Amino acid sequence: MSLIDIVGGLIGRGGRWQDAVRAGAVFRRRNPNGVVETAKVLDVVPDPQGIAHVHYELEVAKHDRRILDDRRTLNLVSFHQAFGEPVET
């Protein structure tokens, strides 16, 4: 997905992915070295400039061993680029 597709989606042209990023949704990213990062969305809120930010719980694991639990925030586009794989819950 190109940056043009992402930005186009944010302004309403074919961007169905942002509807999936909502409280309770879970996304995953797998790294080649066996690290799995799982993000559970807590909420999505705009900042004073209107830019949507995703607040999420991050769990990092390797070989089923939890390495890190943390809370993080990314803007919506960066979150989608980082965690594009939704997890069925």
C-alpha atoms as a PDB file:
ATOM      1  CA  MET A   1       0.000   0.000   0.000  1.00  0.00           C
ATOM      2  CA  SER A   2       1.420   3.338  -0.993  1.00  0.00           C
ATOM      3  CA  LEU A   3       1.344   6.559   1.013  1.00  0.00           C
ATOM      4  CA  ILE A   4      -1.082   7.940  -1.579  1.00  0.00           C
ATOM      5  CA  ASP A   5      -3.481   5.042  -0.861  1.00  0.00           C
ATOM      6  CA  ILE A   6      -3.229   5.669   2.869  1.00  0.00           C
ATOM      7  CA  VAL A   7      -3.759   9.410   2.622  1.00  0.00           C
ATOM      8  CA  GLY A   8      -6.556   8.860   0.112  1.00  0.00           C
ATOM      9  CA  GLY A   9      -8.231   6.556   2.594  1.00  0.00           C
ATOM     10  CA  LEU A  10      -8.023   9.171   5.294  1.00  0.00           C
ATOM     11  CA  ILE A  11      -9.966  11.596   3.152  1.00  0.00           C
ATOM     12  CA  GLY A  12     -12.578   9.040   2.208  1.00  0.00           C
ATOM     13  CA  ARG A  13     -11.393   7.380  -1.012  1.00  0.00           C
ATOM     14  CA  GLY A  14     -11.189   3.637  -0.524  1.00  0.00           C
ATOM     15  CA  GLY A  15      -9.771   3.631   3.007  1.00  0.00           C
ATOM     16  CA  ARG A  16     -11.702   0.856   4.737  1.00  0.00           C
ATOM     17  CA  TRP A  17      -8.782  -0.090   7.001  1.00  0.00           C
ATOM     18  CA  GLN A  18      -9.229   2.891   9.338  1.00  0.00           C
ATOM     19  CA  ASP A  19     -12.709   1.630  10.290  1.00  0.00           C
ATOM     20  CA  ALA A  20     -11.080  -1.558  11.597  1.00  0.00           C
ATOM     21  CA  VAL A  21      -8.794   0.405  13.949  1.00  0.00           C
ATOM     22  CA  ARG A  22     -11.139   0.851  16.905  1.00  0.00           C
ATOM     23  CA  ALA A  23     -11.197   0.111  20.626  1.00  0.00           C
ATOM     24  CA  GLY A  24     -10.811  -3.598  21.288  1.00  0.00           C
ATOM     25  CA  ALA A  25      -9.335  -4.457  17.875  1.00  0.00           C
ATOM     26  CA  VAL A  26      -6.110  -6.482  17.877  1.00  0.00           C
ATOM     27  CA  PHE A  27      -3.310  -6.256  15.306  1.00  0.00           C
ATOM     28  CA  ARG A  28      -0.069  -8.167  14.938  1.00  0.00           C
ATOM     29  CA  ARG A  29       3.341  -7.744  13.357  1.00  0.00           C
ATOM     30  CA  ARG A  30       5.828 -10.585  12.938  1.00  0.00           C
ATOM     31  CA  ASN A  31       9.533  -9.940  12.512  1.00  0.00           C
ATOM     32  CA  PRO A  32      11.901 -12.297  10.648  1.00  0.00           C
ATOM     33  CA  ASN A  33      13.818 -12.988  13.883  1.00  0.00           C
ATOM     34  CA  GLY A  34      10.783 -14.616  15.551  1.00  0.00           C
ATOM     35  CA  VAL A  35       9.569 -11.594  17.511  1.00  0.00           C
ATOM     36  CA  VAL A  36       5.799 -11.122  17.499  1.00  0.00           C
ATOM     37  CA  GLU A  37       4.353  -7.729  18.431  1.00  0.00           C
ATOM     38  CA  THR A  38       0.663  -7.652  19.313  1.00  0.00           C
ATOM     39  CA  ALA A  39      -1.205  -4.359  19.646  1.00  0.00           C
ATOM     40  CA  LYS A  40      -4.622  -4.132  21.336  1.00  0.00           C
ATOM     41  CA  VAL A  41      -6.320  -0.816  20.552  1.00  0.00           C
ATOM     42  CA  LEU A  42      -7.491   1.055  23.655  1.00  0.00           C
ATOM     43  CA  ASP A  43      -8.956   4.044  21.811  1.00  0.00           C
ATOM     44  CA  VAL A  44      -8.536   6.309  18.795  1.00  0.00           C
ATOM     45  CA  VAL A  45      -8.714  10.034  19.492  1.00  0.00           C
ATOM     46  CA  PRO A  46      -7.892  13.163  17.497  1.00  0.00           C
ATOM     47  CA  ASP A  47      -5.319  15.626  18.782  1.00  0.00           C
ATOM     48  CA  PRO A  48      -6.023  19.406  18.778  1.00  0.00           C
ATOM     49  CA  GLN A  49      -5.033  19.560  15.071  1.00  0.00           C
ATOM     50  CA  GLY A  50      -7.509  16.770  14.219  1.00  0.00           C
ATOM     51  CA  ILE A  51      -4.888  14.055  13.619  1.00  0.00           C
ATOM     52  CA  ALA A  52      -6.159  10.687  14.838  1.00  0.00           C
ATOM     53  CA  HIS A  53      -3.912   8.886  17.329  1.00  0.00           C
ATOM     54  CA  VAL A  54      -4.162   5.250  18.351  1.00  0.00           C
ATOM     55  CA  HIS A  55      -3.571   4.431  22.023  1.00  0.00           C
ATOM     56  CA  TYR A  56      -2.738   0.755  22.386  1.00  0.00           C
ATOM     57  CA  GLU A  57      -1.305  -1.935  24.627  1.00  0.00           C
ATOM     58  CA  LEU A  58       1.777  -3.549  23.138  1.00  0.00           C
ATOM     59  CA  GLU A  59       2.913  -7.069  23.908  1.00  0.00           C
ATOM     60  CA  VAL A  60       6.235  -8.243  22.511  1.00  0.00           C
ATOM     61  CA  ALA A  61       6.981 -11.962  22.583  1.00  0.00           C
ATOM     62  CA  LYS A  62       9.570 -14.328  21.172  1.00  0.00           C
ATOM     63  CA  HIS A  63       9.031 -18.078  21.055  1.00  0.00           C
ATOM     64  CA  ASP A  64       5.902 -17.705  23.235  1.00  0.00           C
ATOM     65  CA  ARG A  65       7.900 -15.893  25.932  1.00  0.00           C
ATOM     66  CA  ARG A  66       6.643 -12.400  26.768  1.00  0.00           C
ATOM     67  CA  ILE A  67       9.448  -9.855  26.586  1.00  0.00           C
ATOM     68  CA  LEU A  68       7.596  -6.551  27.007  1.00  0.00           C
ATOM     69  CA  ASP A  69       4.178  -5.198  27.975  1.00  0.00           C
ATOM     70  CA  ASP A  70       3.711  -1.474  27.447  1.00  0.00           C
ATOM     71  CA  ARG A  71       1.249   1.224  26.426  1.00  0.00           C
ATOM     72  CA  ARG A  72       2.057   3.246  23.323  1.00  0.00           C
ATOM     73  CA  THR A  73       0.595   5.890  21.003  1.00  0.00           C
ATOM     74  CA  LEU A  74       1.005   6.304  17.232  1.00  0.00           C
ATOM     75  CA  ASN A  75      -0.843   8.383  14.702  1.00  0.00           C
ATOM     76  CA  LEU A  76      -3.383   6.366  12.738  1.00  0.00           C
ATOM     77  CA  VAL A  77      -1.356   6.144   9.518  1.00  0.00           C
ATOM     78  CA  SER A  78       1.828   5.065  11.335  1.00  0.00           C
ATOM     79  CA  PHE A  79      -0.139   2.487  13.326  1.00  0.00           C
ATOM     80  CA  HIS A  80      -1.565   1.023  10.126  1.00  0.00           C
ATOM     81  CA  GLN A  81       1.869   0.887   8.509  1.00  0.00           C
ATOM     82  CA  ALA A  82       3.334  -0.842  11.570  1.00  0.00           C
ATOM     83  CA  PHE A  83       0.468  -3.196  12.412  1.00  0.00           C
ATOM     84  CA  GLY A  84      -1.320  -4.018   9.185  1.00  0.00           C
ATOM     85  CA  GLU A  85      -2.256  -7.592  10.147  1.00  0.00           C
ATOM     86  CA  PRO A  86      -5.591  -7.690  12.007  1.00  0.00           C
ATOM     87  CA  VAL A  87      -6.140 -10.590  14.409  1.00  0.00           C
ATOM     88  CA  GLU A  88      -9.520 -12.264  14.633  1.00  0.00           C
ATOM     89  CA  THR A  89     -10.851 -11.993  18.189  1.00  0.00           C
END
